[in-house]
Amino acid sequence: MPMLQARITDEEARAIKSYAKTKGITTSQVVRESVASYIAKPQEQVFFGDMKGKMWMADDFDEIPEGFEDYV
């Protein structure tokens, strides 16, 4: 069986244990179900043009900075 290792804080461990106790399941089941549900989520498809209007470039983006002419 594959093994998943992760570092979590003491606070996160307490939260997982508390959640498992309220649900009446083991902490292993909580983690396993969380990972499985995360993987099962459909990934959003990215399409050409999705970033249109969400990015900005300086007006002088295509200009060569002063002193860099020898490098271009």
C-alpha atoms as a PDB file:
ATOM      1  CA  MET A   1       0.000   0.000   0.000  1.00  0.00           C
ATOM      2  CA  PRO A   2       1.405   3.453  -0.860  1.00  0.00           C
ATOM      3  CA  MET A   3       2.434   5.675   2.027  1.00  0.00           C
ATOM      4  CA  LEU A   4       1.866   9.408   2.324  1.00  0.00           C
ATOM      5  CA  GLN A   5       4.028  11.418   4.691  1.00  0.00           C
ATOM      6  CA  ALA A   6       3.392  15.001   5.698  1.00  0.00           C
ATOM      7  CA  ARG A   7       4.551  17.357   8.423  1.00  0.00           C
ATOM      8  CA  ILE A   8       1.778  19.025  10.349  1.00  0.00           C
ATOM      9  CA  THR A   9       1.726  21.228  13.408  1.00  0.00           C
ATOM     10  CA  ASP A  10       0.544  20.061  16.810  1.00  0.00           C
ATOM     11  CA  GLU A  11      -2.501  22.299  16.360  1.00  0.00           C
ATOM     12  CA  GLU A  12      -3.369  20.643  13.045  1.00  0.00           C
ATOM     13  CA  ALA A  13      -2.948  17.184  14.603  1.00  0.00           C
ATOM     14  CA  ARG A  14      -5.307  18.139  17.444  1.00  0.00           C
ATOM     15  CA  ALA A  15      -7.845  19.441  14.922  1.00  0.00           C
ATOM     16  CA  ILE A  16      -7.693  16.196  12.923  1.00  0.00           C
ATOM     17  CA  LYS A  17      -8.090  14.098  16.078  1.00  0.00           C
ATOM     18  CA  SER A  18     -11.004  16.239  17.237  1.00  0.00           C
ATOM     19  CA  TYR A  19     -12.724  16.015  13.854  1.00  0.00           C
ATOM     20  CA  ALA A  20     -12.228  12.240  13.739  1.00  0.00           C
ATOM     21  CA  LYS A  21     -13.659  11.887  17.232  1.00  0.00           C
ATOM     22  CA  THR A  22     -16.795  13.914  16.370  1.00  0.00           C
ATOM     23  CA  LYS A  23     -17.304  11.843  13.195  1.00  0.00           C
ATOM     24  CA  GLY A  24     -16.641   8.545  14.993  1.00  0.00           C
ATOM     25  CA  ILE A  25     -13.837   7.509  12.645  1.00  0.00           C
ATOM     26  CA  THR A  26     -10.074   7.102  12.942  1.00  0.00           C
ATOM     27  CA  THR A  27      -7.581   9.838  12.141  1.00  0.00           C
ATOM     28  CA  SER A  28      -6.269   7.643   9.309  1.00  0.00           C
ATOM     29  CA  GLN A  29      -9.736   7.586   7.758  1.00  0.00           C
ATOM     30  CA  VAL A  30      -9.996  11.383   8.016  1.00  0.00           C
ATOM     31  CA  VAL A  31      -6.677  11.854   6.230  1.00  0.00           C
ATOM     32  CA  ARG A  32      -7.402   9.157   3.623  1.00  0.00           C
ATOM     33  CA  GLU A  33     -10.838  10.610   2.817  1.00  0.00           C
ATOM     34  CA  SER A  34      -9.431  14.151   2.661  1.00  0.00           C
ATOM     35  CA  VAL A  35      -6.721  13.152   0.198  1.00  0.00           C
ATOM     36  CA  ALA A  36      -9.151  11.097  -1.889  1.00  0.00           C
ATOM     37  CA  SER A  37     -11.694  13.923  -2.091  1.00  0.00           C
ATOM     38  CA  TYR A  38      -8.963  16.427  -3.034  1.00  0.00           C
ATOM     39  CA  ILE A  39      -7.730  14.204  -5.858  1.00  0.00           C
ATOM     40  CA  ALA A  40     -11.293  13.552  -7.066  1.00  0.00           C
ATOM     41  CA  LYS A  41     -12.035  17.276  -7.548  1.00  0.00           C
ATOM     42  CA  PRO A  42     -12.207  18.141 -11.230  1.00  0.00           C
ATOM     43  CA  GLN A  43      -9.361  20.402 -12.275  1.00  0.00           C
ATOM     44  CA  GLU A  44     -10.303  23.666 -13.943  1.00  0.00           C
ATOM     45  CA  GLN A  45      -9.417  23.691 -17.621  1.00  0.00           C
ATOM     46  CA  VAL A  46      -7.246  26.529 -18.834  1.00  0.00           C
ATOM     47  CA  PHE A  47      -8.014  28.080 -22.196  1.00  0.00           C
ATOM     48  CA  PHE A  48      -6.049  30.454 -24.414  1.00  0.00           C
ATOM     49  CA  GLY A  49      -6.970  34.009 -23.490  1.00  0.00           C
ATOM     50  CA  ASP A  50      -8.107  33.265 -19.924  1.00  0.00           C
ATOM     51  CA  MET A  51      -5.622  35.794 -18.536  1.00  0.00           C
ATOM     52  CA  LYS A  52      -6.742  38.601 -20.840  1.00  0.00           C
ATOM     53  CA  GLY A  53      -7.244  41.752 -18.788  1.00  0.00           C
ATOM     54  CA  LYS A  54      -5.715  40.170 -15.667  1.00  0.00           C
ATOM     55  CA  MET A  55      -2.083  41.069 -16.354  1.00  0.00           C
ATOM     56  CA  TRP A  56      -0.334  44.368 -16.898  1.00  0.00           C
ATOM     57  CA  MET A  57       2.984  45.179 -18.555  1.00  0.00           C
ATOM     58  CA  ALA A  58       4.780  48.488 -18.384  1.00  0.00           C
ATOM     59  CA  ASP A  59       4.413  50.768 -21.395  1.00  0.00           C
ATOM     60  CA  ASP A  60       8.176  50.563 -22.006  1.00  0.00           C
ATOM     61  CA  PHE A  61       8.325  46.755 -21.761  1.00  0.00           C
ATOM     62  CA  ASP A  62       9.752  46.307 -25.294  1.00  0.00           C
ATOM     63  CA  GLU A  63      12.337  49.072 -24.929  1.00  0.00           C
ATOM     64  CA  ILE A  64      15.964  48.236 -24.194  1.00  0.00           C
ATOM     65  CA  PRO A  65      17.025  49.684 -20.822  1.00  0.00           C
ATOM     66  CA  GLU A  66      19.723  52.346 -20.944  1.00  0.00           C
ATOM     67  CA  GLY A  67      23.199  50.787 -20.860  1.00  0.00           C
ATOM     68  CA  PHE A  68      22.089  47.332 -22.060  1.00  0.00           C
ATOM     69  CA  GLU A  69      22.475  47.921 -25.795  1.00  0.00           C
ATOM     70  CA  ASP A  70      25.703  45.840 -25.922  1.00  0.00           C
ATOM     71  CA  TYR A  71      23.933  42.794 -24.501  1.00  0.00           C
ATOM     72  CA  VAL A  72      21.116  42.703 -27.046  1.00  0.00           C
END
